[in-house]
């Protein structure tokens, strides 16, 4: 395992290289803007400490209070549906819920925010 490999470094790199869609949604979630819920962006969640390097995910957005993961999916996710389903199931088994939002949905930000609010209830 290379020395530079850490979950924190991966998360930091992802935060520095957000997609435009992630940036748009982050502007709506940051600073407790959505009903007072605190969200973190590109937050690592370790689900199996014995499975390094694959025992963690980096959630696009995460609300710890409700254990809600919000993923913003672009076209690349069309080729990795099975991987995403497996990841979502692992996280569900660990007590997390995942909401996937597609880039195209962000054109109606109010609808996306309503979907997130419903999951937070």
C-alpha atoms as a PDB file:
ATOM      1  CA  UNK A   1       0.000   0.000   0.000  1.00  0.00           C
ATOM      2  CA  UNK A   2       1.580   3.331  -1.005  1.00  0.00           C
ATOM      3  CA  UNK A   3       2.154   5.817   1.798  1.00  0.00           C
ATOM      4  CA  UNK A   4       0.128   8.533   0.097  1.00  0.00           C
ATOM      5  CA  UNK A   5      -3.038   6.424   0.146  1.00  0.00           C
ATOM      6  CA  UNK A   6      -5.381   7.673   2.819  1.00  0.00           C
ATOM      7  CA  UNK A   7      -9.113   8.131   2.870  1.00  0.00           C
ATOM      8  CA  UNK A   8      -8.605  11.747   3.946  1.00  0.00           C
ATOM      9  CA  UNK A   9      -6.376  12.474   0.939  1.00  0.00           C
ATOM     10  CA  UNK A  10      -8.842  10.929  -1.472  1.00  0.00           C
ATOM     11  CA  UNK A  11     -11.707  12.946   0.054  1.00  0.00           C
ATOM     12  CA  UNK A  12      -9.631  16.130  -0.043  1.00  0.00           C
ATOM     13  CA  UNK A  13      -8.756  15.559  -3.709  1.00  0.00           C
ATOM     14  CA  UNK A  14     -12.421  14.989  -4.546  1.00  0.00           C
ATOM     15  CA  UNK A  15     -13.431  18.189  -2.718  1.00  0.00           C
ATOM     16  CA  UNK A  16     -10.876  20.141  -4.715  1.00  0.00           C
ATOM     17  CA  UNK A  17     -12.156  18.641  -7.986  1.00  0.00           C
ATOM     18  CA  UNK A  18     -15.926  18.780  -7.600  1.00  0.00           C
ATOM     19  CA  UNK A  19     -18.070  18.453 -10.682  1.00  0.00           C
ATOM     20  CA  UNK A  20     -20.257  21.378 -11.690  1.00  0.00           C
ATOM     21  CA  UNK A  21     -23.332  19.422 -10.589  1.00  0.00           C
ATOM     22  CA  UNK A  22     -21.818  18.740  -7.167  1.00  0.00           C
ATOM     23  CA  UNK A  23     -20.932  22.412  -6.860  1.00  0.00           C
ATOM     24  CA  UNK A  24     -24.518  23.454  -7.636  1.00  0.00           C
ATOM     25  CA  UNK A  25     -26.002  21.129  -5.036  1.00  0.00           C
ATOM     26  CA  UNK A  26     -23.364  22.025  -2.452  1.00  0.00           C
ATOM     27  CA  UNK A  27     -24.397  25.675  -2.727  1.00  0.00           C
ATOM     28  CA  UNK A  28     -27.879  24.605  -1.590  1.00  0.00           C
ATOM     29  CA  UNK A  29     -26.758  22.280   1.213  1.00  0.00           C
ATOM     30  CA  UNK A  30     -23.838  24.107   2.797  1.00  0.00           C
ATOM     31  CA  UNK A  31     -24.065  26.112   6.015  1.00  0.00           C
ATOM     32  CA  UNK A  32     -27.233  24.292   7.149  1.00  0.00           C
ATOM     33  CA  UNK A  33     -29.276  25.958   4.380  1.00  0.00           C
ATOM     34  CA  UNK A  34     -31.586  22.961   3.978  1.00  0.00           C
ATOM     35  CA  UNK A  35     -33.936  22.982   6.993  1.00  0.00           C
ATOM     36  CA  UNK A  36     -31.001  23.392   9.371  1.00  0.00           C
ATOM     37  CA  UNK A  37     -29.433  20.008   8.550  1.00  0.00           C
ATOM     38  CA  UNK A  38     -25.650  19.879   8.455  1.00  0.00           C
ATOM     39  CA  UNK A  39     -24.168  18.283   5.349  1.00  0.00           C
ATOM     40  CA  UNK A  40     -20.542  17.417   4.682  1.00  0.00           C
ATOM     41  CA  UNK A  41     -19.204  17.089   1.154  1.00  0.00           C
ATOM     42  CA  UNK A  42     -16.943  14.351  -0.135  1.00  0.00           C
ATOM     43  CA  UNK A  43     -17.055  12.725   3.276  1.00  0.00           C
ATOM     44  CA  UNK A  44     -15.316   9.361   3.786  1.00  0.00           C
ATOM     45  CA  UNK A  45     -17.335   6.662   5.516  1.00  0.00           C
ATOM     46  CA  UNK A  46     -15.401   3.591   6.626  1.00  0.00           C
ATOM     47  CA  UNK A  47     -17.617   0.527   6.745  1.00  0.00           C
ATOM     48  CA  UNK A  48     -14.970  -2.207   7.085  1.00  0.00           C
ATOM     49  CA  UNK A  49     -11.637  -1.338   8.708  1.00  0.00           C
ATOM     50  CA  UNK A  50     -10.229  -4.712   7.692  1.00  0.00           C
ATOM     51  CA  UNK A  51     -10.892  -4.228   3.975  1.00  0.00           C
ATOM     52  CA  UNK A  52      -8.426  -1.424   3.178  1.00  0.00           C
ATOM     53  CA  UNK A  53      -8.355   0.007   0.534  1.00  0.00           C
ATOM     54  CA  UNK A  54     -11.921  -0.940  -0.368  1.00  0.00           C
ATOM     55  CA  UNK A  55     -13.621  -0.814   3.024  1.00  0.00           C
ATOM     56  CA  UNK A  56     -14.798   2.761   2.642  1.00  0.00           C
ATOM     57  CA  UNK A  57     -16.763   5.054   0.386  1.00  0.00           C
ATOM     58  CA  UNK A  58     -16.548   8.779  -0.148  1.00  0.00           C
ATOM     59  CA  UNK A  59     -20.080  10.167  -0.091  1.00  0.00           C
ATOM     60  CA  UNK A  60     -20.699  13.187  -2.305  1.00  0.00           C
ATOM     61  CA  UNK A  61     -22.808  14.675   0.508  1.00  0.00           C
ATOM     62  CA  UNK A  62     -23.504  13.276   3.958  1.00  0.00           C
ATOM     63  CA  UNK A  63     -25.877  14.232   6.761  1.00  0.00           C
ATOM     64  CA  UNK A  64     -24.629  12.429   9.881  1.00  0.00           C
ATOM     65  CA  UNK A  65     -27.708  13.309  11.927  1.00  0.00           C
ATOM     66  CA  UNK A  66     -29.910  11.234   9.602  1.00  0.00           C
ATOM     67  CA  UNK A  67     -27.188   8.925   8.198  1.00  0.00           C
ATOM     68  CA  UNK A  68     -28.208  10.099   4.720  1.00  0.00           C
ATOM     69  CA  UNK A  69     -25.820   9.862   1.785  1.00  0.00           C
ATOM     70  CA  UNK A  70     -26.665  11.957  -1.283  1.00  0.00           C
ATOM     71  CA  UNK A  71     -24.897  10.925  -4.468  1.00  0.00           C
ATOM     72  CA  UNK A  72     -24.841  13.076  -7.602  1.00  0.00           C
ATOM     73  CA  UNK A  73     -24.599  10.714 -10.563  1.00  0.00           C
ATOM     74  CA  UNK A  74     -23.369  11.644 -13.992  1.00  0.00           C
ATOM     75  CA  UNK A  75     -23.229   9.562 -17.163  1.00  0.00           C
ATOM     76  CA  UNK A  76     -20.379   7.395 -15.850  1.00  0.00           C
ATOM     77  CA  UNK A  77     -22.866   5.787 -13.475  1.00  0.00           C
ATOM     78  CA  UNK A  78     -24.745   4.320 -16.448  1.00  0.00           C
ATOM     79  CA  UNK A  79     -21.813   1.913 -16.853  1.00  0.00           C
ATOM     80  CA  UNK A  80     -21.527   1.033 -13.160  1.00  0.00           C
ATOM     81  CA  UNK A  81     -25.108   0.403 -12.050  1.00  0.00           C
ATOM     82  CA  UNK A  82     -24.254  -2.959 -10.450  1.00  0.00           C
ATOM     83  CA  UNK A  83     -21.365  -1.431  -8.515  1.00  0.00           C
ATOM     84  CA  UNK A  84     -23.614   1.399  -7.295  1.00  0.00           C
ATOM     85  CA  UNK A  85     -26.357  -1.054  -6.248  1.00  0.00           C
ATOM     86  CA  UNK A  86     -23.858  -3.151  -4.313  1.00  0.00           C
ATOM     87  CA  UNK A  87     -22.436  -0.055  -2.627  1.00  0.00           C
ATOM     88  CA  UNK A  88     -25.929   1.187  -1.713  1.00  0.00           C
ATOM     89  CA  UNK A  89     -26.806  -2.232  -0.259  1.00  0.00           C
ATOM     90  CA  UNK A  90     -23.605  -2.325   1.819  1.00  0.00           C
ATOM     91  CA  UNK A  91     -24.379   1.115   3.182  1.00  0.00           C
ATOM     92  CA  UNK A  92     -28.012   0.158   3.880  1.00  0.00           C
ATOM     93  CA  UNK A  93     -26.800  -2.895   5.814  1.00  0.00           C
ATOM     94  CA  UNK A  94     -24.639  -0.528   7.888  1.00  0.00           C
ATOM     95  CA  UNK A  95     -27.614   1.717   8.677  1.00  0.00           C
ATOM     96  CA  UNK A  96     -27.145   4.420   6.027  1.00  0.00           C
ATOM     97  CA  UNK A  97     -29.668   5.414   3.390  1.00  0.00           C
ATOM     98  CA  UNK A  98     -28.576   6.581  -0.046  1.00  0.00           C
ATOM     99  CA  UNK A  99     -30.365   8.995  -2.343  1.00  0.00           C
ATOM    100  CA  UNK A 100     -29.085   9.144  -5.905  1.00  0.00           C
ATOM    101  CA  UNK A 101     -29.678  12.334  -7.857  1.00  0.00           C
ATOM    102  CA  UNK A 102     -28.890  12.495 -11.558  1.00  0.00           C
ATOM    103  CA  UNK A 103     -27.164  15.530 -13.027  1.00  0.00           C
ATOM    104  CA  UNK A 104     -30.175  16.236 -15.237  1.00  0.00           C
ATOM    105  CA  UNK A 105     -32.451  16.439 -12.192  1.00  0.00           C
ATOM    106  CA  UNK A 106     -30.494  19.427 -10.887  1.00  0.00           C
ATOM    107  CA  UNK A 107     -32.138  21.551 -13.570  1.00  0.00           C
ATOM    108  CA  UNK A 108     -35.122  21.522 -11.181  1.00  0.00           C
ATOM    109  CA  UNK A 109     -33.276  22.248  -7.940  1.00  0.00           C
ATOM    110  CA  UNK A 110     -36.480  22.687  -5.931  1.00  0.00           C
ATOM    111  CA  UNK A 111     -37.568  19.162  -6.852  1.00  0.00           C
ATOM    112  CA  UNK A 112     -34.169  17.773  -5.840  1.00  0.00           C
ATOM    113  CA  UNK A 113     -34.246  19.632  -2.524  1.00  0.00           C
ATOM    114  CA  UNK A 114     -37.773  18.312  -1.893  1.00  0.00           C
ATOM    115  CA  UNK A 115     -36.533  14.743  -2.526  1.00  0.00           C
ATOM    116  CA  UNK A 116     -33.730  15.273  -0.008  1.00  0.00           C
ATOM    117  CA  UNK A 117     -36.118  16.763   2.569  1.00  0.00           C
ATOM    118  CA  UNK A 118     -38.395  13.722   2.193  1.00  0.00           C
ATOM    119  CA  UNK A 119     -35.453  11.409   2.908  1.00  0.00           C
ATOM    120  CA  UNK A 120     -34.497  13.479   5.951  1.00  0.00           C
ATOM    121  CA  UNK A 121     -37.939  12.947   7.534  1.00  0.00           C
END
